[in-house]
Amino acid sequence: MVNAEAPRLMRVLVNYSPAPRVVDEIELDLASGATLADALNASGFLKRYGLTLDVSLHVGIWAKAKPLDTPLRDADRVEIWRGLKVDPKEARRQRYRKQPAKSQR
């Protein structure tokens, strides 16, 4: 009896932080050759958080921004990033202005 070759699966982790100090992650088994977009669709995060799969969505693999058609490898970590509300440099300036003045001796 000849066994039909089963599709090879790979395991990937998909992460999203909808708010500070809150992380939602799911581990998925995807068919070999799946793309970043496939993982996002399979995770259910797009529907759950009202995200759209377009160029405004900030995504990457292992903290490196990647296009949605990027093929995944086994054990990849897919990340969805929130947009910044304030420029980091401006946030530092605002914190500096709130500090009390240093006294000179």
N, C-alpha and C. Protein backbone atom coordinates (compact mmCIF):
# COMPACT_ATOMS: atom_id res chain seq x y z
N MET A 1 0.84 -1.17 0.00
CA MET A 1 0.00 0.00 0.00
C MET A 1 0.89 1.24 0.00
N VAL A 2 0.60 2.15 -0.87
CA VAL A 2 1.40 3.37 -1.00
C VAL A 2 0.74 4.47 -0.19
N ASN A 3 1.51 5.09 0.67
CA ASN A 3 1.00 6.21 1.47
C ASN A 3 1.14 7.51 0.69
N ALA A 4 0.05 8.22 0.59
CA ALA A 4 0.13 9.54 -0.04
C ALA A 4 0.92 10.44 0.89
N GLU A 5 1.77 11.22 0.32
CA GLU A 5 2.61 12.08 1.15
C GLU A 5 1.75 13.18 1.77
N ALA A 6 1.73 13.23 3.09
CA ALA A 6 0.96 14.23 3.81
C ALA A 6 1.65 15.59 3.70
N PRO A 7 0.85 16.66 3.67
CA PRO A 7 1.49 17.99 3.61
C PRO A 7 2.32 18.22 4.87
N ARG A 8 3.48 18.80 4.68
CA ARG A 8 4.36 19.08 5.82
C ARG A 8 3.85 20.31 6.55
N LEU A 9 3.88 20.23 7.86
CA LEU A 9 3.42 21.35 8.68
C LEU A 9 4.60 22.02 9.35
N MET A 10 4.43 23.30 9.61
CA MET A 10 5.42 24.04 10.38
C MET A 10 4.67 24.76 11.49
N ARG A 11 5.35 24.96 12.58
CA ARG A 11 4.75 25.63 13.74
C ARG A 11 5.30 27.05 13.82
N VAL A 12 4.39 28.02 13.93
CA VAL A 12 4.78 29.43 14.08
C VAL A 12 4.01 30.03 15.24
N LEU A 13 4.57 31.07 15.80
CA LEU A 13 3.96 31.80 16.91
C LEU A 13 3.57 33.19 16.40
N VAL A 14 2.32 33.60 16.66
CA VAL A 14 1.84 34.92 16.25
C VAL A 14 1.54 35.72 17.51
N ASN A 15 2.10 36.94 17.61
CA ASN A 15 1.96 37.81 18.78
C ASN A 15 1.36 39.15 18.41
N TYR A 16 0.53 39.67 19.32
CA TYR A 16 0.00 41.02 19.18
C TYR A 16 -0.20 41.60 20.57
N SER A 17 0.16 42.85 20.75
CA SER A 17 -0.03 43.53 22.02
C SER A 17 -1.04 44.65 21.80
N PRO A 18 -2.32 44.41 22.14
CA PRO A 18 -3.33 45.44 21.89
C PRO A 18 -3.22 46.64 22.82
N ALA A 19 -2.54 46.47 23.95
CA ALA A 19 -2.37 47.56 24.92
C ALA A 19 -1.05 47.33 25.67
N PRO A 20 -0.52 48.36 26.31
CA PRO A 20 0.71 48.17 27.08
C PRO A 20 0.56 47.06 28.12
N ARG A 21 1.57 46.24 28.23
CA ARG A 21 1.64 45.13 29.19
C ARG A 21 0.59 44.04 28.97
N VAL A 22 -0.01 44.00 27.78
CA VAL A 22 -0.97 42.96 27.42
C VAL A 22 -0.47 42.31 26.14
N VAL A 23 -0.27 40.99 26.17
CA VAL A 23 0.21 40.27 24.99
C VAL A 23 -0.73 39.11 24.70
N ASP A 24 -1.18 39.04 23.47
CA ASP A 24 -2.01 37.94 23.00
C ASP A 24 -1.15 37.15 22.02
N GLU A 25 -1.00 35.87 22.28
CA GLU A 25 -0.19 35.06 21.37
C GLU A 25 -0.86 33.73 21.12
N ILE A 26 -0.62 33.19 19.94
CA ILE A 26 -1.19 31.92 19.56
C ILE A 26 -0.15 31.14 18.77
N GLU A 27 -0.12 29.85 18.99
CA GLU A 27 0.79 28.97 18.25
C GLU A 27 -0.03 28.28 17.18
N LEU A 28 0.47 28.31 15.94
CA LEU A 28 -0.26 27.75 14.81
C LEU A 28 0.56 26.68 14.10
N ASP A 29 -0.13 25.69 13.55
CA ASP A 29 0.47 24.72 12.64
C ASP A 29 -0.01 25.08 11.24
N LEU A 30 0.90 25.49 10.38
CA LEU A 30 0.57 25.91 9.02
C LEU A 30 1.25 25.00 8.02
N ALA A 31 0.67 24.94 6.83
CA ALA A 31 1.26 24.15 5.76
C ALA A 31 2.58 24.78 5.33
N SER A 32 3.50 23.94 4.92
CA SER A 32 4.79 24.42 4.43
C SER A 32 4.54 25.35 3.25
N GLY A 33 5.24 26.46 3.22
CA GLY A 33 5.06 27.44 2.16
C GLY A 33 4.09 28.55 2.51
N ALA A 34 3.53 28.52 3.72
CA ALA A 34 2.60 29.56 4.14
C ALA A 34 3.33 30.89 4.24
N THR A 35 2.59 31.97 4.04
CA THR A 35 3.18 33.31 4.09
C THR A 35 2.79 34.03 5.37
N LEU A 36 3.36 35.18 5.55
CA LEU A 36 3.05 36.03 6.70
C LEU A 36 1.55 36.36 6.72
N ALA A 37 0.98 36.67 5.57
CA ALA A 37 -0.46 36.96 5.49
C ALA A 37 -1.29 35.75 5.89
N ASP A 38 -0.87 34.55 5.50
CA ASP A 38 -1.59 33.32 5.88
C ASP A 38 -1.62 33.16 7.39
N ALA A 39 -0.50 33.43 8.04
CA ALA A 39 -0.42 33.29 9.50
C ALA A 39 -1.33 34.32 10.18
N LEU A 40 -1.36 35.54 9.66
CA LEU A 40 -2.21 36.56 10.26
C LEU A 40 -3.69 36.19 10.13
N ASN A 41 -4.07 35.69 8.97
CA ASN A 41 -5.46 35.27 8.77
C ASN A 41 -5.82 34.09 9.66
N ALA A 42 -4.93 33.12 9.78
CA ALA A 42 -5.19 31.93 10.59
C ALA A 42 -5.23 32.23 12.08
N SER A 43 -4.54 33.28 12.51
CA SER A 43 -4.47 33.60 13.94
C SER A 43 -5.81 34.10 14.49
N GLY A 44 -6.61 34.73 13.66
CA GLY A 44 -7.87 35.31 14.11
C GLY A 44 -7.72 36.69 14.73
N PHE A 45 -6.49 37.20 14.82
CA PHE A 45 -6.25 38.52 15.43
C PHE A 45 -6.86 39.65 14.61
N LEU A 46 -6.87 39.51 13.29
CA LEU A 46 -7.40 40.58 12.44
C LEU A 46 -8.86 40.83 12.77
N LYS A 47 -9.63 39.76 12.85
CA LYS A 47 -11.06 39.90 13.16
C LYS A 47 -11.28 40.31 14.61
N ARG A 48 -10.54 39.69 15.54
CA ARG A 48 -10.73 39.95 16.96
C ARG A 48 -10.45 41.41 17.33
N TYR A 49 -9.41 42.01 16.71
CA TYR A 49 -9.01 43.37 17.07
C TYR A 49 -9.38 44.40 16.01
N GLY A 50 -10.13 44.00 14.99
CA GLY A 50 -10.58 44.94 13.96
C GLY A 50 -9.44 45.48 13.11
N LEU A 51 -8.42 44.67 12.86
CA LEU A 51 -7.29 45.09 12.04
C LEU A 51 -7.56 44.73 10.59
N THR A 52 -6.95 45.45 9.67
CA THR A 52 -7.10 45.14 8.25
C THR A 52 -5.75 44.74 7.68
N LEU A 53 -5.80 43.82 6.74
CA LEU A 53 -4.59 43.29 6.13
C LEU A 53 -4.21 44.19 4.96
N ASP A 54 -3.54 45.32 5.26
CA ASP A 54 -3.11 46.24 4.23
C ASP A 54 -1.75 46.82 4.61
N VAL A 55 -1.28 47.77 3.84
CA VAL A 55 0.05 48.32 4.06
C VAL A 55 0.17 49.12 5.35
N SER A 56 -0.94 49.53 5.94
CA SER A 56 -0.87 50.28 7.20
C SER A 56 -0.61 49.38 8.41
N LEU A 57 -0.75 48.07 8.23
CA LEU A 57 -0.52 47.13 9.32
C LEU A 57 0.99 46.91 9.46
N HIS A 58 1.52 47.12 10.65
CA HIS A 58 2.95 46.97 10.90
C HIS A 58 3.21 45.56 11.39
N VAL A 59 3.87 44.75 10.56
CA VAL A 59 4.13 43.35 10.91
C VAL A 59 5.57 42.99 10.60
N GLY A 60 6.02 41.90 11.23
CA GLY A 60 7.36 41.43 10.97
C GLY A 60 7.57 40.04 11.51
N ILE A 61 8.77 39.56 11.30
CA ILE A 61 9.20 38.26 11.80
C ILE A 61 10.45 38.49 12.63
N TRP A 62 10.41 38.02 13.86
CA TRP A 62 11.54 38.19 14.79
C TRP A 62 12.02 39.64 14.82
N ALA A 63 11.10 40.58 15.01
CA ALA A 63 11.39 42.01 15.19
C ALA A 63 11.97 42.70 13.96
N LYS A 64 11.83 42.10 12.79
CA LYS A 64 12.26 42.73 11.55
C LYS A 64 11.05 42.88 10.64
N ALA A 65 10.79 44.09 10.20
CA ALA A 65 9.64 44.35 9.33
C ALA A 65 9.77 43.54 8.04
N LYS A 66 8.67 42.92 7.64
CA LYS A 66 8.65 42.09 6.44
C LYS A 66 7.36 42.35 5.67
N PRO A 67 7.37 42.18 4.33
CA PRO A 67 6.14 42.30 3.56
C PRO A 67 5.23 41.09 3.81
N LEU A 68 3.94 41.27 3.52
CA LEU A 68 2.95 40.23 3.80
C LEU A 68 3.14 38.96 2.99
N ASP A 69 3.84 39.03 1.86
CA ASP A 69 4.03 37.84 1.03
C ASP A 69 5.29 37.05 1.39
N THR A 70 5.92 37.38 2.51
CA THR A 70 7.14 36.69 2.95
C THR A 70 6.81 35.26 3.36
N PRO A 71 7.51 34.26 2.81
CA PRO A 71 7.26 32.88 3.24
C PRO A 71 7.82 32.65 4.64
N LEU A 72 7.11 31.86 5.42
CA LEU A 72 7.52 31.57 6.79
C LEU A 72 8.34 30.29 6.85
N ARG A 73 9.12 30.18 7.93
CA ARG A 73 9.87 28.96 8.22
C ARG A 73 9.41 28.41 9.55
N ASP A 74 9.70 27.16 9.79
CA ASP A 74 9.33 26.53 11.05
C ASP A 74 9.95 27.31 12.22
N ALA A 75 9.17 27.50 13.28
CA ALA A 75 9.58 28.18 14.51
C ALA A 75 9.73 29.69 14.36
N ASP A 76 9.18 30.29 13.30
CA ASP A 76 9.20 31.75 13.17
C ASP A 76 8.27 32.37 14.20
N ARG A 77 8.59 33.61 14.58
CA ARG A 77 7.75 34.39 15.49
C ARG A 77 7.23 35.59 14.70
N VAL A 78 5.94 35.58 14.42
CA VAL A 78 5.28 36.65 13.67
C VAL A 78 4.79 37.67 14.68
N GLU A 79 5.04 38.95 14.41
CA GLU A 79 4.67 40.01 15.35
C GLU A 79 3.85 41.08 14.63
N ILE A 80 2.80 41.53 15.31
CA ILE A 80 1.99 42.65 14.84
C ILE A 80 2.26 43.80 15.80
N TRP A 81 2.64 44.95 15.25
CA TRP A 81 2.99 46.09 16.10
C TRP A 81 1.92 47.18 16.02
N ARG A 82 1.67 47.81 17.16
CA ARG A 82 0.78 48.97 17.20
C ARG A 82 1.55 50.19 16.70
N GLY A 83 0.84 51.13 16.12
CA GLY A 83 1.47 52.38 15.69
C GLY A 83 1.82 53.23 16.90
N LEU A 84 2.82 54.07 16.78
CA LEU A 84 3.22 54.96 17.88
C LEU A 84 2.23 56.10 18.01
N LYS A 85 1.89 56.46 19.24
CA LYS A 85 0.99 57.59 19.47
C LYS A 85 1.79 58.88 19.55
N VAL A 86 3.03 58.79 20.06
CA VAL A 86 3.89 59.96 20.20
C VAL A 86 5.29 59.55 19.73
N ASP A 87 5.94 60.47 19.04
CA ASP A 87 7.31 60.24 18.61
C ASP A 87 8.19 60.05 19.85
N PRO A 88 9.03 59.02 19.90
CA PRO A 88 9.86 58.77 21.09
C PRO A 88 10.72 59.97 21.51
N LYS A 89 11.24 60.73 20.54
CA LYS A 89 12.05 61.90 20.89
C LYS A 89 11.20 62.96 21.58
N GLU A 90 9.98 63.15 21.07
CA GLU A 90 9.09 64.14 21.68
C GLU A 90 8.67 63.69 23.08
N ALA A 91 8.45 62.40 23.29
CA ALA A 91 8.10 61.89 24.62
C ALA A 91 9.22 62.17 25.61
N ARG A 92 10.48 61.99 25.19
CA ARG A 92 11.62 62.29 26.07
C ARG A 92 11.66 63.78 26.42
N ARG A 93 11.41 64.63 25.43
CA ARG A 93 11.41 66.08 25.69
C ARG A 93 10.34 66.45 26.72
N GLN A 94 9.17 65.85 26.58
CA GLN A 94 8.08 66.14 27.51
C GLN A 94 8.42 65.68 28.92
N ARG A 95 9.03 64.51 29.06
CA ARG A 95 9.43 64.03 30.39
C ARG A 95 10.50 64.93 30.99
N TYR A 96 11.43 65.42 30.17
CA TYR A 96 12.49 66.31 30.64
C TYR A 96 11.90 67.63 31.16
N ARG A 97 10.93 68.17 30.44
CA ARG A 97 10.32 69.44 30.86
C ARG A 97 9.57 69.31 32.17
N LYS A 98 9.07 68.13 32.50
CA LYS A 98 8.32 67.92 33.74
C LYS A 98 9.22 67.77 34.96
N GLN A 99 10.52 67.54 34.75
CA GLN A 99 11.44 67.37 35.88
C GLN A 99 11.63 68.69 36.59
N PRO A 100 11.80 68.64 37.92
CA PRO A 100 12.08 69.87 38.65
C PRO A 100 13.47 70.41 38.27
N ALA A 101 13.61 71.70 38.38
CA ALA A 101 14.90 72.33 38.05
C ALA A 101 15.96 71.87 39.05
N LYS A 102 17.17 71.62 38.52
CA LYS A 102 18.28 71.20 39.38
C LYS A 102 18.91 72.44 40.01
N SER A 103 19.18 72.35 41.28
CA SER A 103 19.79 73.49 41.96
C SER A 103 21.29 73.51 41.71
N GLN A 104 21.85 74.72 41.58
CA GLN A 104 23.28 74.86 41.37
C GLN A 104 23.92 75.29 42.69
N ARG A 105 25.07 74.76 42.96
CA ARG A 105 25.77 75.12 44.21
C ARG A 105 26.90 76.05 43.96
